[in-house]
Amino acid sequence: MDKNQAVLDSFDKQAKSKTSTSKKRKWREIEQLKERFQLEKELRIYDDSLEYMLDEF
């Protein structure tokens, strides 16, 4: 009976570790998307300022 419980516990631990790694992976993807959107936003600011400079010449 103890051996069966040990096997069941090991399966539970494996399932928990897989879900935690997938959650971490999802959060990393979300953080990467946030960084990309922030970078695009900052680049748009610079792009707009460059267009105004070109209009003046």
PDB file of N, CA and C in Angstrom:
ATOM      1  N   MET A   1       0.830  -1.191   0.000  1.00  0.00           N
ATOM      2  CA  MET A   1       0.000   0.000   0.000  1.00  0.00           C
ATOM      3  C   MET A   1       0.871   1.251   0.000  1.00  0.00           C
ATOM      4  N   ASP A   2       1.962   1.243   0.743  1.00  0.00           N
ATOM      5  CA  ASP A   2       2.850   2.394   0.811  1.00  0.00           C
ATOM      6  C   ASP A   2       3.532   2.650  -0.525  1.00  0.00           C
ATOM      7  N   LYS A   3       3.856   1.571  -1.237  1.00  0.00           N
ATOM      8  CA  LYS A   3       4.500   1.737  -2.542  1.00  0.00           C
ATOM      9  C   LYS A   3       3.541   2.406  -3.519  1.00  0.00           C
ATOM     10  N   ASN A   4       2.282   2.019  -3.464  1.00  0.00           N
ATOM     11  CA  ASN A   4       1.289   2.634  -4.343  1.00  0.00           C
ATOM     12  C   ASN A   4       1.150   4.123  -4.038  1.00  0.00           C
ATOM     13  N   GLN A   5       1.136   4.450  -2.785  1.00  0.00           N
ATOM     14  CA  GLN A   5       1.015   5.853  -2.383  1.00  0.00           C
ATOM     15  C   GLN A   5       2.234   6.660  -2.835  1.00  0.00           C
ATOM     16  N   ALA A   6       3.400   6.042  -2.742  1.00  0.00           N
ATOM     17  CA  ALA A   6       4.619   6.718  -3.179  1.00  0.00           C
ATOM     18  C   ALA A   6       4.577   6.999  -4.668  1.00  0.00           C
ATOM     19  N   VAL A   7       4.089   6.043  -5.437  1.00  0.00           N
ATOM     20  CA  VAL A   7       3.971   6.226  -6.892  1.00  0.00           C
ATOM     21  C   VAL A   7       2.967   7.336  -7.192  1.00  0.00           C
ATOM     22  N   LEU A   8       1.832   7.322  -6.513  1.00  0.00           N
ATOM     23  CA  LEU A   8       0.822   8.357  -6.729  1.00  0.00           C
ATOM     24  C   LEU A   8       1.356   9.738  -6.351  1.00  0.00           C
ATOM     25  N   ASP A   9       2.112   9.809  -5.271  1.00  0.00           N
ATOM     26  CA  ASP A   9       2.705  11.090  -4.856  1.00  0.00           C
ATOM     27  C   ASP A   9       3.698  11.601  -5.891  1.00  0.00           C
ATOM     28  N   SER A  10       4.466  10.691  -6.478  1.00  0.00           N
ATOM     29  CA  SER A  10       5.442  11.119  -7.485  1.00  0.00           C
ATOM     30  C   SER A  10       4.727  11.669  -8.713  1.00  0.00           C
ATOM     31  N   PHE A  11       3.600  11.079  -9.093  1.00  0.00           N
ATOM     32  CA  PHE A  11       2.828  11.601 -10.225  1.00  0.00           C
ATOM     33  C   PHE A  11       2.282  12.987  -9.921  1.00  0.00           C
ATOM     34  N   ASP A  12       1.826  13.181  -8.689  1.00  0.00           N
ATOM     35  CA  ASP A  12       1.308  14.484  -8.286  1.00  0.00           C
ATOM     36  C   ASP A  12       2.406  15.542  -8.350  1.00  0.00           C
ATOM     37  N   LYS A  13       3.604  15.198  -7.906  1.00  0.00           N
ATOM     38  CA  LYS A  13       4.717  16.147  -7.936  1.00  0.00           C
ATOM     39  C   LYS A  13       5.096  16.502  -9.362  1.00  0.00           C
ATOM     40  N   GLN A  14       5.081  15.516 -10.261  1.00  0.00           N
ATOM     41  CA  GLN A  14       5.410  15.770 -11.655  1.00  0.00           C
ATOM     42  C   GLN A  14       4.369  16.680 -12.283  1.00  0.00           C
ATOM     43  N   ALA A  15       3.118  16.450 -11.985  1.00  0.00           N
ATOM     44  CA  ALA A  15       2.055  17.281 -12.546  1.00  0.00           C
ATOM     45  C   ALA A  15       2.173  18.713 -12.038  1.00  0.00           C
ATOM     46  N   LYS A  16       2.487  18.878 -10.761  1.00  0.00           N
ATOM     47  CA  LYS A  16       2.630  20.221 -10.201  1.00  0.00           C
ATOM     48  C   LYS A  16       3.809  20.944 -10.818  1.00  0.00           C
ATOM     49  N   SER A  17       4.915  20.234 -11.016  1.00  0.00           N
ATOM     50  CA  SER A  17       6.094  20.889 -11.582  1.00  0.00           C
ATOM     51  C   SER A  17       5.840  21.291 -13.026  1.00  0.00           C
ATOM     52  N   LYS A  18       5.097  20.495 -13.780  1.00  0.00           N
ATOM     53  CA  LYS A  18       4.780  20.842 -15.168  1.00  0.00           C
ATOM     54  C   LYS A  18       3.888  22.075 -15.227  1.00  0.00           C
ATOM     55  N   THR A  19       2.922  22.160 -14.329  1.00  0.00           N
ATOM     56  CA  THR A  19       2.040  23.327 -14.352  1.00  0.00           C
ATOM     57  C   THR A  19       2.785  24.577 -13.928  1.00  0.00           C
ATOM     58  N   SER A  20       3.692  24.450 -12.977  1.00  0.00           N
ATOM     59  CA  SER A  20       4.428  25.636 -12.542  1.00  0.00           C
ATOM     60  C   SER A  20       5.372  26.114 -13.638  1.00  0.00           C
ATOM     61  N   THR A  21       6.005  25.193 -14.365  1.00  0.00           N
ATOM     62  CA  THR A  21       6.897  25.622 -15.442  1.00  0.00           C
ATOM     63  C   THR A  21       6.109  26.226 -16.590  1.00  0.00           C
ATOM     64  N   SER A  22       4.930  25.702 -16.859  1.00  0.00           N
ATOM     65  CA  SER A  22       4.132  26.296 -17.935  1.00  0.00           C
ATOM     66  C   SER A  22       3.619  27.671 -17.531  1.00  0.00           C
ATOM     67  N   LYS A  23       3.310  27.854 -16.252  1.00  0.00           N
ATOM     68  CA  LYS A  23       2.887  29.170 -15.773  1.00  0.00           C
ATOM     69  C   LYS A  23       4.031  30.169 -15.888  1.00  0.00           C
ATOM     70  N   LYS A  24       5.243  29.724 -15.517  1.00  0.00           N
ATOM     71  CA  LYS A  24       6.409  30.597 -15.628  1.00  0.00           C
ATOM     72  C   LYS A  24       6.649  30.968 -17.086  1.00  0.00           C
ATOM     73  N   ARG A  25       6.495  29.989 -17.973  1.00  0.00           N
ATOM     74  CA  ARG A  25       6.703  30.237 -19.391  1.00  0.00           C
ATOM     75  C   ARG A  25       5.677  31.244 -19.901  1.00  0.00           C
ATOM     76  N   LYS A  26       4.439  31.111 -19.490  1.00  0.00           N
ATOM     77  CA  LYS A  26       3.393  32.055 -19.907  1.00  0.00           C
ATOM     78  C   LYS A  26       3.698  33.453 -19.409  1.00  0.00           C
ATOM     79  N   TRP A  27       4.142  33.573 -18.153  1.00  0.00           N
ATOM     80  CA  TRP A  27       4.461  34.888 -17.609  1.00  0.00           C
ATOM     81  C   TRP A  27       5.638  35.509 -18.334  1.00  0.00           C
ATOM     82  N   ARG A  28       6.614  34.673 -18.722  1.00  0.00           N
ATOM     83  CA  ARG A  28       7.750  35.199 -19.485  1.00  0.00           C
ATOM     84  C   ARG A  28       7.291  35.722 -20.827  1.00  0.00           C
ATOM     85  N   GLU A  29       6.364  34.987 -21.475  1.00  0.00           N
ATOM     86  CA  GLU A  29       5.830  35.437 -22.763  1.00  0.00           C
ATOM     87  C   GLU A  29       5.073  36.751 -22.609  1.00  0.00           C
ATOM     88  N   ILE A  30       4.302  36.861 -21.534  1.00  0.00           N
ATOM     89  CA  ILE A  30       3.545  38.090 -21.291  1.00  0.00           C
ATOM     90  C   ILE A  30       4.502  39.257 -21.061  1.00  0.00           C
ATOM     91  N   GLU A  31       5.543  39.031 -20.280  1.00  0.00           N
ATOM     92  CA  GLU A  31       6.525  40.088 -20.022  1.00  0.00           C
ATOM     93  C   GLU A  31       7.234  40.503 -21.304  1.00  0.00           C
ATOM     94  N   GLN A  32       7.543  39.561 -22.169  1.00  0.00           N
ATOM     95  CA  GLN A  32       8.180  39.882 -23.438  1.00  0.00           C
ATOM     96  C   GLN A  32       7.262  40.723 -24.314  1.00  0.00           C
ATOM     97  N   LEU A  33       5.980  40.385 -24.322  1.00  0.00           N
ATOM     98  CA  LEU A  33       5.016  41.170 -25.103  1.00  0.00           C
ATOM     99  C   LEU A  33       4.909  42.595 -24.563  1.00  0.00           C
ATOM    100  N   LYS A  34       4.868  42.722 -23.236  1.00  0.00           N
ATOM    101  CA  LYS A  34       4.803  44.054 -22.633  1.00  0.00           C
ATOM    102  C   LYS A  34       6.022  44.886 -23.010  1.00  0.00           C
ATOM    103  N   GLU A  35       7.197  44.264 -22.944  1.00  0.00           N
ATOM    104  CA  GLU A  35       8.422  44.979 -23.295  1.00  0.00           C
ATOM    105  C   GLU A  35       8.410  45.395 -24.764  1.00  0.00           C
ATOM    106  N   ARG A  36       7.931  44.515 -25.627  1.00  0.00           N
ATOM    107  CA  ARG A  36       7.884  44.834 -27.049  1.00  0.00           C
ATOM    108  C   ARG A  36       6.935  45.997 -27.320  1.00  0.00           C
ATOM    109  N   PHE A  37       5.760  45.983 -26.677  1.00  0.00           N
ATOM    110  CA  PHE A  37       4.806  47.075 -26.869  1.00  0.00           C
ATOM    111  C   PHE A  37       5.361  48.389 -26.332  1.00  0.00           C
ATOM    112  N   GLN A  38       6.059  48.329 -25.209  1.00  0.00           N
ATOM    113  CA  GLN A  38       6.659  49.532 -24.649  1.00  0.00           C
ATOM    114  C   GLN A  38       7.728  50.084 -25.589  1.00  0.00           C
ATOM    115  N   LEU A  39       8.539  49.215 -26.145  1.00  0.00           N
ATOM    116  CA  LEU A  39       9.578  49.633 -27.081  1.00  0.00           C
ATOM    117  C   LEU A  39       8.961  50.258 -28.339  1.00  0.00           C
ATOM    118  N   GLU A  40       7.906  49.629 -28.857  1.00  0.00           N
ATOM    119  CA  GLU A  40       7.226  50.190 -30.030  1.00  0.00           C
ATOM    120  C   GLU A  40       6.660  51.571 -29.727  1.00  0.00           C
ATOM    121  N   LYS A  41       6.117  51.730 -28.543  1.00  0.00           N
ATOM    122  CA  LYS A  41       5.566  53.022 -28.143  1.00  0.00           C
ATOM    123  C   LYS A  41       6.656  54.087 -28.089  1.00  0.00           C
ATOM    124  N   GLU A  42       7.795  53.735 -27.498  1.00  0.00           N
ATOM    125  CA  GLU A  42       8.906  54.683 -27.418  1.00  0.00           C
ATOM    126  C   GLU A  42       9.457  55.015 -28.806  1.00  0.00           C
ATOM    127  N   LEU A  43       9.532  54.027 -29.671  1.00  0.00           N
ATOM    128  CA  LEU A  43      10.027  54.274 -31.025  1.00  0.00           C
ATOM    129  C   LEU A  43       9.082  55.170 -31.821  1.00  0.00           C
ATOM    130  N   ARG A  44       7.777  55.029 -31.597  1.00  0.00           N
ATOM    131  CA  ARG A  44       6.808  55.900 -32.273  1.00  0.00           C
ATOM    132  C   ARG A  44       7.016  57.360 -31.873  1.00  0.00           C
ATOM    133  N   ILE A  45       7.354  57.596 -30.616  1.00  0.00           N
ATOM    134  CA  ILE A  45       7.605  58.960 -30.148  1.00  0.00           C
ATOM    135  C   ILE A  45       8.778  59.558 -30.909  1.00  0.00           C
ATOM    136  N   TYR A  46       9.851  58.783 -31.031  1.00  0.00           N
ATOM    137  CA  TYR A  46      11.029  59.271 -31.750  1.00  0.00           C
ATOM    138  C   TYR A  46      10.739  59.424 -33.239  1.00  0.00           C
ATOM    139  N   ASP A  47       9.974  58.528 -33.785  1.00  0.00           N
ATOM    140  CA  ASP A  47       9.636  58.591 -35.206  1.00  0.00           C
ATOM    141  C   ASP A  47       8.841  59.860 -35.496  1.00  0.00           C
ATOM    142  N   ASP A  48       7.895  60.180 -34.653  1.00  0.00           N
ATOM    143  CA  ASP A  48       7.095  61.391 -34.832  1.00  0.00           C
ATOM    144  C   ASP A  48       7.966  62.642 -34.755  1.00  0.00           C
ATOM    145  N   SER A  49       8.914  62.651 -33.828  1.00  0.00           N
ATOM    146  CA  SER A  49       9.767  63.828 -33.689  1.00  0.00           C
ATOM    147  C   SER A  49      10.667  63.983 -34.911  1.00  0.00           C
ATOM    148  N   LEU A  50      11.109  62.905 -35.492  1.00  0.00           N
ATOM    149  CA  LEU A  50      11.954  62.969 -36.684  1.00  0.00           C
ATOM    150  C   LEU A  50      11.156  63.487 -37.891  1.00  0.00           C
ATOM    151  N   GLU A  51       9.906  63.119 -37.978  1.00  0.00           N
ATOM    152  CA  GLU A  51       9.080  63.596 -39.092  1.00  0.00           C
ATOM    153  C   GLU A  51       8.909  65.110 -39.019  1.00  0.00           C
ATOM    154  N   TYR A  52       8.735  65.659 -37.841  1.00  0.00           N
ATOM    155  CA  TYR A  52       8.598  67.097 -37.685  1.00  0.00           C
ATOM    156  C   TYR A  52       9.899  67.812 -38.065  1.00  0.00           C
ATOM    157  N   MET A  53      11.009  67.207 -37.735  1.00  0.00           N
ATOM    158  CA  MET A  53      12.291  67.808 -38.091  1.00  0.00           C
ATOM    159  C   MET A  53      12.460  67.836 -39.605  1.00  0.00           C
ATOM    160  N   LEU A  54      12.026  66.787 -40.263  1.00  0.00           N
ATOM    161  CA  LEU A  54      12.149  66.748 -41.729  1.00  0.00           C
ATOM    162  C   LEU A  54      11.222  67.767 -42.391  1.00  0.00           C
ATOM    163  N   ASP A  55      10.066  68.003 -41.800  1.00  0.00           N
ATOM    164  CA  ASP A  55       9.125  68.978 -42.352  1.00  0.00           C
ATOM    165  C   ASP A  55       9.696  70.407 -42.297  1.00  0.00           C
ATOM    166  N   GLU A  56      10.520  70.692 -41.300  1.00  0.00           N
ATOM    167  CA  GLU A  56      11.078  72.015 -41.140  1.00  0.00           C
ATOM    168  C   GLU A  56      12.126  72.323 -42.209  1.00  0.00           C
ATOM    169  N   PHE A  57      12.804  71.308 -42.736  1.00  0.00           N
ATOM    170  CA  PHE A  57      13.835  71.535 -43.748  1.00  0.00           C
ATOM    171  C   PHE A  57      13.225  71.629 -45.073  1.00  0.00           C
TER     172      PHE A  57
END
